[in-house]
């Protein structure tokens, strides 16, 4: 009986550990087409998306117009957001490419966004100084994934959390002109 209890506990522990394993950008290394931000985010890019709260309810809808330029391995992504309620927002990223790794900064990003691309995928992690409803800001941990579908289309899914508690997700679809 004791042996079966130990086996059951070991099996449960293995299952628990496996469920905690996270996806790695390396899991996409063989996927095509290969994503190079310098190539994709060059010129005009349009995007559409939603922000969902932790229950999955859509709380904001948006369109984004982007103008993207590169000077060597340093890129500027000028994002112009228009939300369904008419509000507007701008975020200008400065991105440095170093092989398969990227470092990004923006006015509302605390420190640097660190990213790595493999295959058709990029994973960014950063802290966003996000505006709160009713005023003020909150620092949110962003886990940002991008998947290149074809040379003109990309999907972006970002989860945002604080103290390990997930608050919601952003889903954006990009289309290069």
C-alpha atoms as a PDB file:
ATOM      1  CA  UNK A   1       0.000   0.000   0.000  1.00  0.00           C
ATOM      2  CA  UNK A   2       2.800   2.421   0.916  1.00  0.00           C
ATOM      3  CA  UNK A   3       4.487   1.795  -2.437  1.00  0.00           C
ATOM      4  CA  UNK A   4       1.289   2.671  -4.350  1.00  0.00           C
ATOM      5  CA  UNK A   5       0.867   5.846  -2.317  1.00  0.00           C
ATOM      6  CA  UNK A   6       4.414   6.918  -3.172  1.00  0.00           C
ATOM      7  CA  UNK A   7       3.825   6.148  -6.856  1.00  0.00           C
ATOM      8  CA  UNK A   8       0.591   8.102  -6.837  1.00  0.00           C
ATOM      9  CA  UNK A   9       2.253  11.086  -5.150  1.00  0.00           C
ATOM     10  CA  UNK A  10       5.171  10.937  -7.618  1.00  0.00           C
ATOM     11  CA  UNK A  11       2.785  10.801 -10.578  1.00  0.00           C
ATOM     12  CA  UNK A  12       0.787  13.743  -9.212  1.00  0.00           C
ATOM     13  CA  UNK A  13       4.000  15.746  -8.641  1.00  0.00           C
ATOM     14  CA  UNK A  14       5.182  15.026 -12.194  1.00  0.00           C
ATOM     15  CA  UNK A  15       1.812  16.107 -13.593  1.00  0.00           C
ATOM     16  CA  UNK A  16       1.899  19.282 -11.510  1.00  0.00           C
ATOM     17  CA  UNK A  17       5.426  20.138 -12.682  1.00  0.00           C
ATOM     18  CA  UNK A  18       4.538  19.452 -16.311  1.00  0.00           C
ATOM     19  CA  UNK A  19       1.550  21.786 -16.082  1.00  0.00           C
ATOM     20  CA  UNK A  20       3.837  24.568 -14.809  1.00  0.00           C
ATOM     21  CA  UNK A  21       6.234  24.249 -17.739  1.00  0.00           C
ATOM     22  CA  UNK A  22       6.093  27.226 -20.045  1.00  0.00           C
ATOM     23  CA  UNK A  23       6.471  27.528 -23.768  1.00  0.00           C
ATOM     24  CA  UNK A  24       9.889  28.634 -24.974  1.00  0.00           C
ATOM     25  CA  UNK A  25      10.622  30.715 -28.046  1.00  0.00           C
ATOM     26  CA  UNK A  26      13.032  27.898 -28.961  1.00  0.00           C
ATOM     27  CA  UNK A  27       9.975  25.642 -29.488  1.00  0.00           C
ATOM     28  CA  UNK A  28       9.345  27.600 -32.721  1.00  0.00           C
ATOM     29  CA  UNK A  29      12.917  27.533 -34.107  1.00  0.00           C
ATOM     30  CA  UNK A  30      11.989  25.414 -37.146  1.00  0.00           C
ATOM     31  CA  UNK A  31       8.818  27.355 -38.047  1.00  0.00           C
ATOM     32  CA  UNK A  32       8.654  29.278 -41.312  1.00  0.00           C
ATOM     33  CA  UNK A  33       8.611  31.974 -42.514  1.00  0.00           C
ATOM     34  CA  UNK A  34      11.432  33.256 -40.315  1.00  0.00           C
ATOM     35  CA  UNK A  35      10.525  36.429 -38.412  1.00  0.00           C
ATOM     36  CA  UNK A  36      12.983  39.298 -38.620  1.00  0.00           C
ATOM     37  CA  UNK A  37      11.511  42.436 -37.023  1.00  0.00           C
ATOM     38  CA  UNK A  38      13.819  44.559 -39.163  1.00  0.00           C
ATOM     39  CA  UNK A  39      12.186  43.161 -42.296  1.00  0.00           C
ATOM     40  CA  UNK A  40       8.573  42.937 -41.101  1.00  0.00           C
ATOM     41  CA  UNK A  41       8.358  46.269 -39.284  1.00  0.00           C
ATOM     42  CA  UNK A  42       9.750  48.347 -42.127  1.00  0.00           C
ATOM     43  CA  UNK A  43       7.379  50.781 -43.819  1.00  0.00           C
ATOM     44  CA  UNK A  44       3.652  51.020 -43.083  1.00  0.00           C
ATOM     45  CA  UNK A  45       1.861  48.397 -41.002  1.00  0.00           C
ATOM     46  CA  UNK A  46      -1.816  48.387 -39.980  1.00  0.00           C
ATOM     47  CA  UNK A  47      -3.217  46.513 -36.996  1.00  0.00           C
ATOM     48  CA  UNK A  48      -6.531  45.689 -35.302  1.00  0.00           C
ATOM     49  CA  UNK A  49      -7.072  44.291 -31.862  1.00  0.00           C
ATOM     50  CA  UNK A  50      -8.892  43.876 -28.592  1.00  0.00           C
ATOM     51  CA  UNK A  51      -8.064  44.090 -24.912  1.00  0.00           C
ATOM     52  CA  UNK A  52      -9.797  41.539 -22.682  1.00  0.00           C
ATOM     53  CA  UNK A  53     -10.086  41.465 -18.918  1.00  0.00           C
ATOM     54  CA  UNK A  54      -9.245  38.362 -16.896  1.00  0.00           C
ATOM     55  CA  UNK A  55     -12.727  36.885 -17.517  1.00  0.00           C
ATOM     56  CA  UNK A  56     -12.267  37.185 -21.301  1.00  0.00           C
ATOM     57  CA  UNK A  57     -14.672  40.113 -21.725  1.00  0.00           C
ATOM     58  CA  UNK A  58     -13.558  42.566 -24.425  1.00  0.00           C
ATOM     59  CA  UNK A  59     -13.052  45.908 -22.682  1.00  0.00           C
ATOM     60  CA  UNK A  60     -11.407  47.850 -25.546  1.00  0.00           C
ATOM     61  CA  UNK A  61     -11.211  47.609 -29.324  1.00  0.00           C
ATOM     62  CA  UNK A  62      -8.555  49.380 -31.357  1.00  0.00           C
ATOM     63  CA  UNK A  63      -6.963  50.072 -34.693  1.00  0.00           C
ATOM     64  CA  UNK A  64      -3.286  50.927 -35.030  1.00  0.00           C
ATOM     65  CA  UNK A  65      -1.387  52.682 -37.791  1.00  0.00           C
ATOM     66  CA  UNK A  66       2.363  52.127 -37.673  1.00  0.00           C
ATOM     67  CA  UNK A  67       5.233  53.831 -39.440  1.00  0.00           C
ATOM     68  CA  UNK A  68       8.411  51.792 -39.087  1.00  0.00           C
ATOM     69  CA  UNK A  69      11.950  52.763 -40.076  1.00  0.00           C
ATOM     70  CA  UNK A  70      15.417  51.319 -39.527  1.00  0.00           C
ATOM     71  CA  UNK A  71      18.880  52.832 -39.515  1.00  0.00           C
ATOM     72  CA  UNK A  72      21.247  49.893 -39.459  1.00  0.00           C
ATOM     73  CA  UNK A  73      20.220  47.670 -36.545  1.00  0.00           C
ATOM     74  CA  UNK A  74      18.204  50.390 -34.773  1.00  0.00           C
ATOM     75  CA  UNK A  75      14.511  50.653 -35.590  1.00  0.00           C
ATOM     76  CA  UNK A  76      11.756  53.123 -34.743  1.00  0.00           C
ATOM     77  CA  UNK A  77       8.172  51.843 -34.569  1.00  0.00           C
ATOM     78  CA  UNK A  78       5.740  54.761 -34.348  1.00  0.00           C
ATOM     79  CA  UNK A  79       2.372  53.310 -33.251  1.00  0.00           C
ATOM     80  CA  UNK A  80      -0.815  55.428 -33.434  1.00  0.00           C
ATOM     81  CA  UNK A  81      -3.706  53.779 -31.560  1.00  0.00           C
ATOM     82  CA  UNK A  82      -7.350  54.751 -32.069  1.00  0.00           C
ATOM     83  CA  UNK A  83      -9.806  53.110 -29.656  1.00  0.00           C
ATOM     84  CA  UNK A  84     -13.475  52.421 -30.379  1.00  0.00           C
ATOM     85  CA  UNK A  85     -14.486  55.148 -27.895  1.00  0.00           C
ATOM     86  CA  UNK A  86     -12.509  57.712 -29.932  1.00  0.00           C
ATOM     87  CA  UNK A  87      -9.533  58.069 -27.596  1.00  0.00           C
ATOM     88  CA  UNK A  88      -6.084  58.097 -29.128  1.00  0.00           C
ATOM     89  CA  UNK A  89      -2.695  57.017 -27.881  1.00  0.00           C
ATOM     90  CA  UNK A  90       0.834  56.994 -29.283  1.00  0.00           C
ATOM     91  CA  UNK A  91       3.737  54.680 -28.447  1.00  0.00           C
ATOM     92  CA  UNK A  92       7.107  55.068 -30.145  1.00  0.00           C
ATOM     93  CA  UNK A  93       9.440  52.109 -29.773  1.00  0.00           C
ATOM     94  CA  UNK A  94      13.177  52.224 -30.331  1.00  0.00           C
ATOM     95  CA  UNK A  95      14.433  48.705 -31.020  1.00  0.00           C
ATOM     96  CA  UNK A  96      17.996  47.461 -31.264  1.00  0.00           C
ATOM     97  CA  UNK A  97      18.621  44.190 -33.073  1.00  0.00           C
ATOM     98  CA  UNK A  98      21.466  41.926 -31.974  1.00  0.00           C
ATOM     99  CA  UNK A  99      21.276  38.625 -33.864  1.00  0.00           C
ATOM    100  CA  UNK A 100      18.104  36.842 -32.727  1.00  0.00           C
ATOM    101  CA  UNK A 101      17.732  39.140 -29.714  1.00  0.00           C
ATOM    102  CA  UNK A 102      16.037  42.517 -29.523  1.00  0.00           C
ATOM    103  CA  UNK A 103      16.079  45.283 -26.915  1.00  0.00           C
ATOM    104  CA  UNK A 104      13.298  47.851 -26.981  1.00  0.00           C
ATOM    105  CA  UNK A 105      12.464  51.075 -25.186  1.00  0.00           C
ATOM    106  CA  UNK A 106       9.427  53.348 -25.189  1.00  0.00           C
ATOM    107  CA  UNK A 107       8.271  56.230 -22.995  1.00  0.00           C
ATOM    108  CA  UNK A 108       5.778  54.042 -21.100  1.00  0.00           C
ATOM    109  CA  UNK A 109       8.053  50.996 -20.792  1.00  0.00           C
ATOM    110  CA  UNK A 110       9.918  50.736 -17.487  1.00  0.00           C
ATOM    111  CA  UNK A 111      13.537  49.903 -18.308  1.00  0.00           C
ATOM    112  CA  UNK A 112      13.960  47.771 -21.408  1.00  0.00           C
ATOM    113  CA  UNK A 113      11.860  45.226 -23.239  1.00  0.00           C
ATOM    114  CA  UNK A 114      13.929  42.118 -23.860  1.00  0.00           C
ATOM    115  CA  UNK A 115      13.002  39.845 -26.718  1.00  0.00           C
ATOM    116  CA  UNK A 116      14.192  36.854 -28.629  1.00  0.00           C
ATOM    117  CA  UNK A 117      13.147  35.620 -32.061  1.00  0.00           C
ATOM    118  CA  UNK A 118      13.319  32.030 -33.263  1.00  0.00           C
ATOM    119  CA  UNK A 119      11.685  30.702 -36.392  1.00  0.00           C
ATOM    120  CA  UNK A 120       8.449  32.609 -36.985  1.00  0.00           C
ATOM    121  CA  UNK A 121       8.144  33.766 -33.358  1.00  0.00           C
ATOM    122  CA  UNK A 122       9.223  36.615 -31.088  1.00  0.00           C
ATOM    123  CA  UNK A 123       8.732  36.729 -27.322  1.00  0.00           C
ATOM    124  CA  UNK A 124       9.079  40.090 -25.537  1.00  0.00           C
ATOM    125  CA  UNK A 125       8.985  40.599 -21.787  1.00  0.00           C
ATOM    126  CA  UNK A 126       8.767  44.024 -20.252  1.00  0.00           C
ATOM    127  CA  UNK A 127       7.064  46.211 -17.648  1.00  0.00           C
ATOM    128  CA  UNK A 128       4.495  48.700 -18.951  1.00  0.00           C
ATOM    129  CA  UNK A 129       3.581  51.847 -17.022  1.00  0.00           C
ATOM    130  CA  UNK A 130      -0.097  51.477 -17.968  1.00  0.00           C
ATOM    131  CA  UNK A 131      -2.765  54.128 -17.493  1.00  0.00           C
ATOM    132  CA  UNK A 132      -5.457  53.293 -14.934  1.00  0.00           C
ATOM    133  CA  UNK A 133      -9.124  54.012 -15.400  1.00  0.00           C
ATOM    134  CA  UNK A 134      -9.805  57.163 -13.387  1.00  0.00           C
ATOM    135  CA  UNK A 135      -6.184  58.375 -13.483  1.00  0.00           C
ATOM    136  CA  UNK A 136      -2.737  57.312 -12.417  1.00  0.00           C
ATOM    137  CA  UNK A 137      -0.695  54.403 -13.670  1.00  0.00           C
ATOM    138  CA  UNK A 138       0.160  50.834 -12.712  1.00  0.00           C
ATOM    139  CA  UNK A 139       3.237  48.797 -13.616  1.00  0.00           C
ATOM    140  CA  UNK A 140       2.130  45.649 -15.443  1.00  0.00           C
ATOM    141  CA  UNK A 141       4.303  42.680 -16.398  1.00  0.00           C
ATOM    142  CA  UNK A 142       3.858  42.045 -20.129  1.00  0.00           C
ATOM    143  CA  UNK A 143       4.480  38.657 -21.765  1.00  0.00           C
ATOM    144  CA  UNK A 144       4.247  39.460 -25.456  1.00  0.00           C
ATOM    145  CA  UNK A 145       4.249  36.782 -28.216  1.00  0.00           C
ATOM    146  CA  UNK A 146       4.273  37.446 -31.978  1.00  0.00           C
ATOM    147  CA  UNK A 147       3.855  34.797 -34.683  1.00  0.00           C
ATOM    148  CA  UNK A 148       4.533  35.572 -38.351  1.00  0.00           C
ATOM    149  CA  UNK A 149       1.859  33.869 -40.459  1.00  0.00           C
ATOM    150  CA  UNK A 150       3.134  34.945 -43.881  1.00  0.00           C
ATOM    151  CA  UNK A 151       5.282  37.809 -45.172  1.00  0.00           C
ATOM    152  CA  UNK A 152       2.443  40.313 -44.634  1.00  0.00           C
ATOM    153  CA  UNK A 153       0.478  38.928 -41.651  1.00  0.00           C
ATOM    154  CA  UNK A 154       1.381  38.572 -37.984  1.00  0.00           C
ATOM    155  CA  UNK A 155      -0.583  37.699 -34.825  1.00  0.00           C
ATOM    156  CA  UNK A 156       0.334  39.168 -31.438  1.00  0.00           C
ATOM    157  CA  UNK A 157      -0.958  37.936 -28.068  1.00  0.00           C
ATOM    158  CA  UNK A 158       0.138  39.607 -24.851  1.00  0.00           C
ATOM    159  CA  UNK A 159      -0.849  38.656 -21.341  1.00  0.00           C
ATOM    160  CA  UNK A 160      -0.501  41.256 -18.612  1.00  0.00           C
ATOM    161  CA  UNK A 161      -0.184  40.611 -14.900  1.00  0.00           C
ATOM    162  CA  UNK A 162       0.864  42.081 -11.571  1.00  0.00           C
ATOM    163  CA  UNK A 163       2.424  40.077  -8.725  1.00  0.00           C
ATOM    164  CA  UNK A 164       1.847  36.937 -10.808  1.00  0.00           C
ATOM    165  CA  UNK A 165      -1.904  37.574 -11.057  1.00  0.00           C
ATOM    166  CA  UNK A 166      -3.099  37.682 -14.667  1.00  0.00           C
ATOM    167  CA  UNK A 167      -5.328  40.693 -15.372  1.00  0.00           C
ATOM    168  CA  UNK A 168      -6.054  40.120 -19.048  1.00  0.00           C
ATOM    169  CA  UNK A 169      -4.815  39.821 -22.621  1.00  0.00           C
ATOM    170  CA  UNK A 170      -4.260  41.929 -25.699  1.00  0.00           C
ATOM    171  CA  UNK A 171      -4.703  40.338 -29.131  1.00  0.00           C
ATOM    172  CA  UNK A 172      -3.566  42.229 -32.225  1.00  0.00           C
ATOM    173  CA  UNK A 173      -3.493  41.266 -35.907  1.00  0.00           C
ATOM    174  CA  UNK A 174      -0.867  43.047 -38.042  1.00  0.00           C
ATOM    175  CA  UNK A 175      -0.961  43.500 -41.808  1.00  0.00           C
ATOM    176  CA  UNK A 176       2.044  44.944 -43.631  1.00  0.00           C
ATOM    177  CA  UNK A 177       1.163  47.226 -46.543  1.00  0.00           C
END
